[in-house]
Structure formats: C-alpha cells, structure tokens
Amino acid sequence: MSVDYSYLAKTIASLTAGETDQVALMATVACEVHFSDDRFDWTGFYRVTDPKLLKIGPYQGGHGCLQIPFSRGVCGAAARTGEVQLVADVESFEGHIACASSTRSELVLPVFDNSGGLIGVFDIDSNQPDAFTQKDATALGQILSEVFAR
C-alpha cells in the first residue's frame, strides 16, 4: 500500500475542520498518516514542552522515547534547525537515538503554528532502509501547514 497524498490531505482536512486543540489535531494526523502507507512503522509527534525539550505526544506504533532534547537525535535536529530531516539510514546519523531497534530510516518535519512558532516535530520511522523521499516530505509538510498554521 502506498499513500495517496491528495486523498490523505482531503481526509485530514475534513476530520480537522474547525478543531483548534493541538493535541486533538496531532492525534488525528498521526492516526491518519500512520495507516496510509505500509512504510510507516511509527508515526507521531514530539511536542515542545520546555525550552529545548520535546516530549512525546500523540502517536501510533510501539513505544517511543518519552523526551528528546533539541541537542540529540533526528527529532532534536529538526527542532533545533527548523528543517526537515530525511534520513535514509539512521545508523549513519550521528547522535541518533534508538527508541526502537527496528527503525532503519526516518523522516522528521518541524511543526509550526500560525504565528511561525515551533510547536513540535512530526516523526515517521520505517523498518525499511531509505523508505522516504522528498515527495513524502513535501506532501506531509503541506498537510502539517494546513492543519497547524491555519
């Protein structure tokens, strides 16, 4: 199964219309994205809860790390730089945090609110190497912007 981003965007827009609670929005996005593609082994949010600290938010999949400092891992890099992290092989990413030993590749997108403030990161792990493309990053970034920065 491969994700149909056009359909996914329409579904998420329909489900989240009028909702303003960030946690409810995150839960809905995580669920819909997770079940849209077989490559997605763990899908969820890490929320900015303190300066330079991410804590686990709504997610789908096995156990995740409870907290991640901005200074560590792929999620920390996305939060620290405000840039998408597209990692084909997590073993080659210096400082990678192995929340799950099955993770082989990772896509992490920063999530901003309507004022441009960082509210968290959206993390997708795959048990397949080199599972993600720039197309995934672009389409998911657009969905996140439509949901959280509207």
Protein backbone atom coordinates (compact mmCIF):
# COMPACT_ATOMS: atom_id res chain seq x y z
CA MET A 1 0.00 0.00 0.00
CA SER A 2 1.35 3.41 -0.95
CA VAL A 3 -0.02 6.70 0.34
CA ASP A 4 -2.28 8.81 -1.88
CA TYR A 5 -1.34 12.25 -0.56
CA SER A 6 -4.19 14.04 -2.30
CA TYR A 7 -6.76 11.76 -0.67
CA LEU A 8 -4.92 11.88 2.67
CA ALA A 9 -4.87 15.70 2.67
CA LYS A 10 -8.60 15.86 1.92
CA THR A 11 -9.40 13.31 4.62
CA ILE A 12 -7.34 15.11 7.26
CA ALA A 13 -8.80 18.49 6.27
CA SER A 14 -12.30 17.09 6.64
CA LEU A 15 -11.59 15.47 10.02
CA THR A 16 -9.84 18.51 11.49
CA ALA A 17 -12.08 21.29 10.16
CA GLY A 18 -12.95 23.69 12.98
CA GLU A 19 -10.77 21.95 15.59
CA THR A 20 -8.31 24.17 17.46
CA ASP A 21 -6.96 21.85 20.15
CA GLN A 22 -3.40 20.94 19.14
CA VAL A 23 -3.39 17.55 20.86
CA ALA A 24 -6.65 16.53 19.16
CA LEU A 25 -5.22 17.66 15.83
CA MET A 26 -1.98 15.75 16.44
CA ALA A 27 -3.86 12.57 17.37
CA THR A 28 -5.92 12.72 14.21
CA VAL A 29 -2.97 13.44 11.92
CA ALA A 30 -0.83 10.70 13.50
CA CYS A 31 -3.58 8.11 13.08
CA GLU A 32 -4.47 9.01 9.50
CA VAL A 33 -0.86 9.21 8.31
CA HIS A 34 0.18 6.02 10.11
CA PHE A 35 -2.44 3.87 8.43
CA SER A 36 -1.98 5.43 4.98
CA ASP A 37 1.21 3.58 4.00
CA ASP A 38 2.89 0.29 4.89
CA ARG A 39 6.28 2.01 5.14
CA PHE A 40 5.18 3.92 8.23
CA ASP A 41 6.18 1.81 11.25
CA TRP A 42 5.94 4.54 13.94
CA THR A 43 4.17 7.82 13.35
CA GLY A 44 3.75 10.61 15.86
CA PHE A 45 4.51 13.94 17.39
CA TYR A 46 7.03 15.19 19.87
CA ARG A 47 5.77 18.44 21.41
CA VAL A 48 7.85 21.37 22.60
CA THR A 49 7.06 21.41 26.32
CA ASP A 50 10.06 23.31 27.70
CA PRO A 51 12.75 25.35 26.03
CA LYS A 52 14.94 22.94 24.07
CA LEU A 53 12.91 19.85 25.12
CA LEU A 54 10.48 17.64 23.20
CA LYS A 55 8.06 15.27 24.91
CA ILE A 56 6.14 12.50 23.27
CA GLY A 57 2.71 13.43 22.01
CA PRO A 58 0.02 11.50 20.22
CA TYR A 59 1.44 8.65 18.17
CA GLN A 60 0.73 5.31 16.52
CA GLY A 61 3.05 2.32 16.81
CA GLY A 62 5.21 0.83 19.52
CA HIS A 63 6.72 2.63 22.48
CA GLY A 64 8.59 5.87 21.71
CA CYS A 65 11.13 7.87 23.65
CA LEU A 66 9.39 9.92 26.34
CA GLN A 67 11.54 13.00 25.91
CA ILE A 68 14.16 14.21 23.47
CA PRO A 69 16.38 17.25 23.99
CA PHE A 70 16.86 19.54 20.98
CA SER A 71 20.56 18.62 21.17
CA ARG A 72 20.05 14.91 20.38
CA GLY A 73 18.77 12.68 17.64
CA VAL A 74 16.91 13.26 14.39
CA CYS A 75 13.91 14.81 16.15
CA GLY A 76 16.17 17.14 18.09
CA ALA A 77 17.89 18.20 14.86
CA ALA A 78 14.53 19.04 13.23
CA ALA A 79 13.50 21.07 16.29
CA ARG A 80 16.89 22.79 16.63
CA THR A 81 17.25 23.76 12.95
CA GLY A 82 13.59 24.10 11.94
CA GLU A 83 14.41 21.97 8.90
CA VAL A 84 13.09 18.66 7.62
CA GLN A 85 15.33 15.70 8.42
CA LEU A 86 15.21 12.97 5.74
CA VAL A 87 17.44 10.15 6.96
CA ALA A 88 17.93 7.14 4.68
CA ASP A 89 19.97 5.18 7.26
CA VAL A 90 19.60 6.05 10.93
CA GLU A 91 22.84 4.24 11.76
CA SER A 92 24.73 6.87 9.77
CA PHE A 93 23.10 9.79 11.60
CA GLU A 94 25.48 10.96 14.32
CA GLY A 95 23.66 11.07 17.65
CA HIS A 96 20.67 9.02 16.51
CA ILE A 97 18.51 7.92 19.43
CA ALA A 98 17.32 4.34 19.04
CA CYS A 99 13.86 4.47 20.57
CA ALA A 100 13.08 1.26 18.64
CA SER A 101 15.77 -1.12 17.42
CA SER A 102 13.72 -1.91 14.29
CA THR A 103 13.98 1.64 12.89
CA ARG A 104 16.11 1.83 9.73
CA SER A 105 15.10 5.21 8.23
CA GLU A 106 13.34 8.31 9.48
CA LEU A 107 11.54 11.42 8.30
CA VAL A 108 11.06 14.27 10.78
CA LEU A 109 9.28 17.52 9.97
CA PRO A 110 9.16 20.61 12.19
CA VAL A 111 5.60 21.73 13.01
CA PHE A 112 4.80 25.43 13.27
CA ASP A 113 1.70 27.27 14.47
CA ASN A 114 0.06 30.17 12.63
CA SER A 115 2.49 32.68 14.13
CA GLY A 116 5.53 30.68 12.98
CA GLY A 117 6.33 29.29 16.43
CA LEU A 118 7.67 25.77 16.68
CA ILE A 119 5.12 23.56 18.48
CA GLY A 120 6.81 20.23 17.87
CA VAL A 121 8.05 17.77 15.30
CA PHE A 122 6.26 15.08 13.33
CA ASP A 123 8.31 11.89 13.29
CA ILE A 124 7.84 8.92 10.97
CA ASP A 125 10.03 5.85 11.38
CA SER A 126 10.30 2.92 9.00
CA ASN A 127 11.74 -0.55 9.46
CA GLN A 128 12.84 -0.30 5.81
CA PRO A 129 16.08 1.43 4.80
CA ASP A 130 15.77 4.53 2.59
CA ALA A 131 11.97 4.43 2.90
CA PHE A 132 11.23 8.14 2.44
CA THR A 133 11.51 10.58 -0.45
CA GLN A 134 11.41 14.32 -0.90
CA LYS A 135 7.86 13.82 -2.24
CA ASP A 136 6.87 12.44 1.19
CA ALA A 137 8.49 15.38 2.96
CA THR A 138 6.86 17.97 0.70
CA ALA A 139 3.36 16.45 0.85
CA LEU A 140 3.44 15.91 4.61
CA GLY A 141 4.84 19.39 5.17
CA GLN A 142 1.91 20.85 3.27
CA ILE A 143 -0.59 18.81 5.30
CA LEU A 144 1.03 19.91 8.57
CA SER A 145 0.97 23.54 7.49
CA GLU A 146 -2.71 23.34 6.57
CA VAL A 147 -3.62 21.74 9.90
CA PHE A 148 -1.45 23.68 12.38
CA ALA A 149 -0.62 27.00 10.75
CA ARG A 150 -4.07 27.97 9.52
